[in-house]
Amino acid sequence: MSVIEIGISYDSDLELATAIIQEESVKHPICIDVRTKKEIEDGDPQVIVRVMSFGDFSVNLRASVWMKNPEFGRKMHSDINTAIKKRFDMEGIEIPFPYRTIVF
């Protein structure tokens, strides 16, 4: 299993970001579906994305993606992160960076 963690800005569309993470994860060739028959029938997503915390600059999300062969986990993780970043850029989902205000 590969754990994808990513923060999005508070102004970004949470549902769209979740959908993008799910779509890009499922598209990876070594991603596998570990849902039970009942979970599939109930419409549970293959990749579950959860809001894990509210950071100083971001809403932090986590997705667990299962793979065929753990040997290629790092590559899959990198591939999915790259695909998510490209989609976020195209769809207007911001990955924030810390802002600092210095007052003299």
C-alpha atoms as a PDB file:
ATOM      1  CA  MET A   1       0.000   0.000   0.000  1.00  0.00           C
ATOM      2  CA  SER A   2       1.158   3.511  -0.768  1.00  0.00           C
ATOM      3  CA  VAL A   3      -0.050   6.444   1.312  1.00  0.00           C
ATOM      4  CA  ILE A   4      -0.499   9.665  -0.641  1.00  0.00           C
ATOM      5  CA  GLU A   5      -0.515  12.782   1.529  1.00  0.00           C
ATOM      6  CA  ILE A   6      -1.146  16.192   0.095  1.00  0.00           C
ATOM      7  CA  GLY A   7      -2.278  19.577   1.360  1.00  0.00           C
ATOM      8  CA  ILE A   8      -4.631  21.866  -0.516  1.00  0.00           C
ATOM      9  CA  SER A   9      -5.414  25.496   0.170  1.00  0.00           C
ATOM     10  CA  TYR A  10      -8.444  26.387   2.239  1.00  0.00           C
ATOM     11  CA  ASP A  11      -9.862  28.137  -0.844  1.00  0.00           C
ATOM     12  CA  SER A  12      -9.607  25.035  -3.050  1.00  0.00           C
ATOM     13  CA  ASP A  13     -12.562  22.804  -3.912  1.00  0.00           C
ATOM     14  CA  LEU A  14     -12.292  19.823  -1.536  1.00  0.00           C
ATOM     15  CA  GLU A  15     -14.629  17.571  -3.548  1.00  0.00           C
ATOM     16  CA  LEU A  16     -12.752  18.263  -6.795  1.00  0.00           C
ATOM     17  CA  ALA A  17      -9.386  17.627  -5.141  1.00  0.00           C
ATOM     18  CA  THR A  18     -10.695  14.347  -3.713  1.00  0.00           C
ATOM     19  CA  ALA A  19     -12.001  13.249  -7.123  1.00  0.00           C
ATOM     20  CA  ILE A  20      -8.685  14.084  -8.792  1.00  0.00           C
ATOM     21  CA  ILE A  21      -6.698  12.094  -6.236  1.00  0.00           C
ATOM     22  CA  GLN A  22      -9.026   9.117  -6.688  1.00  0.00           C
ATOM     23  CA  GLU A  23      -9.003   9.288 -10.494  1.00  0.00           C
ATOM     24  CA  GLU A  24      -5.238   9.646 -10.832  1.00  0.00           C
ATOM     25  CA  SER A  25      -4.585   6.872  -8.315  1.00  0.00           C
ATOM     26  CA  VAL A  26      -6.928   4.379  -9.974  1.00  0.00           C
ATOM     27  CA  LYS A  27      -5.427   5.093 -13.410  1.00  0.00           C
ATOM     28  CA  HIS A  28      -1.992   3.874 -12.324  1.00  0.00           C
ATOM     29  CA  PRO A  29      -1.252   0.491 -13.941  1.00  0.00           C
ATOM     30  CA  ILE A  30      -0.193  -1.284 -10.743  1.00  0.00           C
ATOM     31  CA  CYS A  31      -3.056   0.014  -8.604  1.00  0.00           C
ATOM     32  CA  ILE A  32      -5.401  -2.774  -7.519  1.00  0.00           C
ATOM     33  CA  ASP A  33      -8.931  -2.863  -6.162  1.00  0.00           C
ATOM     34  CA  VAL A  34      -9.108  -4.491  -2.708  1.00  0.00           C
ATOM     35  CA  ARG A  35     -12.763  -3.718  -2.035  1.00  0.00           C
ATOM     36  CA  THR A  36     -15.101  -6.523  -1.128  1.00  0.00           C
ATOM     37  CA  LYS A  37     -18.018  -7.385  -3.389  1.00  0.00           C
ATOM     38  CA  LYS A  38     -20.341  -5.676  -0.915  1.00  0.00           C
ATOM     39  CA  GLU A  39     -18.216  -2.509  -0.848  1.00  0.00           C
ATOM     40  CA  ILE A  40     -18.306  -2.387  -4.650  1.00  0.00           C
ATOM     41  CA  GLU A  41     -22.094  -2.945  -4.650  1.00  0.00           C
ATOM     42  CA  ASP A  42     -22.490  -0.206  -2.024  1.00  0.00           C
ATOM     43  CA  GLY A  43     -20.569   2.211  -4.265  1.00  0.00           C
ATOM     44  CA  ASP A  44     -17.570   2.639  -1.946  1.00  0.00           C
ATOM     45  CA  PRO A  45     -14.679   4.245  -3.811  1.00  0.00           C
ATOM     46  CA  GLN A  46     -11.626   2.179  -4.701  1.00  0.00           C
ATOM     47  CA  VAL A  47      -9.378   4.863  -3.225  1.00  0.00           C
ATOM     48  CA  ILE A  48     -10.665   6.532  -0.082  1.00  0.00           C
ATOM     49  CA  VAL A  49      -9.466  10.080   0.518  1.00  0.00           C
ATOM     50  CA  ARG A  50      -9.791  11.440   4.028  1.00  0.00           C
ATOM     51  CA  VAL A  51      -9.294  14.888   5.521  1.00  0.00           C
ATOM     52  CA  MET A  52      -6.617  14.245   8.144  1.00  0.00           C
ATOM     53  CA  SER A  53      -5.995  17.679   9.605  1.00  0.00           C
ATOM     54  CA  PHE A  54      -6.274  21.423   9.229  1.00  0.00           C
ATOM     55  CA  GLY A  55      -2.782  22.885   9.014  1.00  0.00           C
ATOM     56  CA  ASP A  56      -1.628  26.466   9.256  1.00  0.00           C
ATOM     57  CA  PHE A  57      -1.766  26.817   5.473  1.00  0.00           C
ATOM     58  CA  SER A  58      -3.572  23.746   4.153  1.00  0.00           C
ATOM     59  CA  VAL A  59      -6.305  21.157   4.492  1.00  0.00           C
ATOM     60  CA  ASN A  60      -4.316  17.918   4.656  1.00  0.00           C
ATOM     61  CA  LEU A  61      -5.620  14.893   2.758  1.00  0.00           C
ATOM     62  CA  ARG A  62      -4.542  11.241   2.822  1.00  0.00           C
ATOM     63  CA  ALA A  63      -5.308   8.435   0.384  1.00  0.00           C
ATOM     64  CA  SER A  64      -4.330   4.777   0.609  1.00  0.00           C
ATOM     65  CA  VAL A  65      -3.591   3.183  -2.752  1.00  0.00           C
ATOM     66  CA  TRP A  66      -3.094  -0.570  -3.011  1.00  0.00           C
ATOM     67  CA  MET A  67      -0.664  -2.023  -5.520  1.00  0.00           C
ATOM     68  CA  LYS A  68       0.010  -5.312  -7.281  1.00  0.00           C
ATOM     69  CA  ASN A  69       3.672  -5.444  -6.362  1.00  0.00           C
ATOM     70  CA  PRO A  70       5.118  -3.585  -3.354  1.00  0.00           C
ATOM     71  CA  GLU A  71       8.528  -3.649  -5.027  1.00  0.00           C
ATOM     72  CA  PHE A  72       7.361  -0.774  -7.234  1.00  0.00           C
ATOM     73  CA  GLY A  73       5.694   1.217  -4.451  1.00  0.00           C
ATOM     74  CA  ARG A  74       8.057   4.191  -4.555  1.00  0.00           C
ATOM     75  CA  LYS A  75       7.686   4.534  -8.309  1.00  0.00           C
ATOM     76  CA  MET A  76       3.901   4.318  -8.075  1.00  0.00           C
ATOM     77  CA  HIS A  77       3.908   6.903  -5.277  1.00  0.00           C
ATOM     78  CA  SER A  78       6.011   9.285  -7.361  1.00  0.00           C
ATOM     79  CA  ASP A  79       3.949   8.697 -10.512  1.00  0.00           C
ATOM     80  CA  ILE A  80       0.676   9.378  -8.698  1.00  0.00           C
ATOM     81  CA  ASN A  81       2.045  12.503  -6.981  1.00  0.00           C
ATOM     82  CA  THR A  82       3.222  13.806 -10.370  1.00  0.00           C
ATOM     83  CA  ALA A  83      -0.146  13.099 -11.989  1.00  0.00           C
ATOM     84  CA  ILE A  84      -2.021  14.749  -9.108  1.00  0.00           C
ATOM     85  CA  LYS A  85       0.175  17.867  -9.278  1.00  0.00           C
ATOM     86  CA  LYS A  86      -0.407  18.207 -13.024  1.00  0.00           C
ATOM     87  CA  ARG A  87      -4.184  17.780 -12.618  1.00  0.00           C
ATOM     88  CA  PHE A  88      -4.289  20.196  -9.687  1.00  0.00           C
ATOM     89  CA  ASP A  89      -2.505  22.788 -11.835  1.00  0.00           C
ATOM     90  CA  MET A  90      -4.979  22.234 -14.692  1.00  0.00           C
ATOM     91  CA  GLU A  91      -8.048  22.287 -12.429  1.00  0.00           C
ATOM     92  CA  GLY A  92      -7.041  25.240 -10.238  1.00  0.00           C
ATOM     93  CA  ILE A  93      -6.422  23.324  -6.996  1.00  0.00           C
ATOM     94  CA  GLU A  94      -3.711  25.134  -5.061  1.00  0.00           C
ATOM     95  CA  ILE A  95      -1.020  23.341  -3.084  1.00  0.00           C
ATOM     96  CA  PRO A  96      -0.104  26.123  -0.664  1.00  0.00           C
ATOM     97  CA  PHE A  97       3.236  27.088   0.697  1.00  0.00           C
ATOM     98  CA  PRO A  98       3.878  28.881   3.983  1.00  0.00           C
ATOM     99  CA  TYR A  99       3.448  32.638   4.035  1.00  0.00           C
ATOM    100  CA  ARG A 100       5.421  34.753   6.457  1.00  0.00           C
ATOM    101  CA  THR A 101       4.737  38.354   7.349  1.00  0.00           C
ATOM    102  CA  ILE A 102       7.623  40.157   8.944  1.00  0.00           C
ATOM    103  CA  VAL A 103       6.908  43.419  10.726  1.00  0.00           C
ATOM    104  CA  PHE A 104       9.781  45.752  11.567  1.00  0.00           C
END
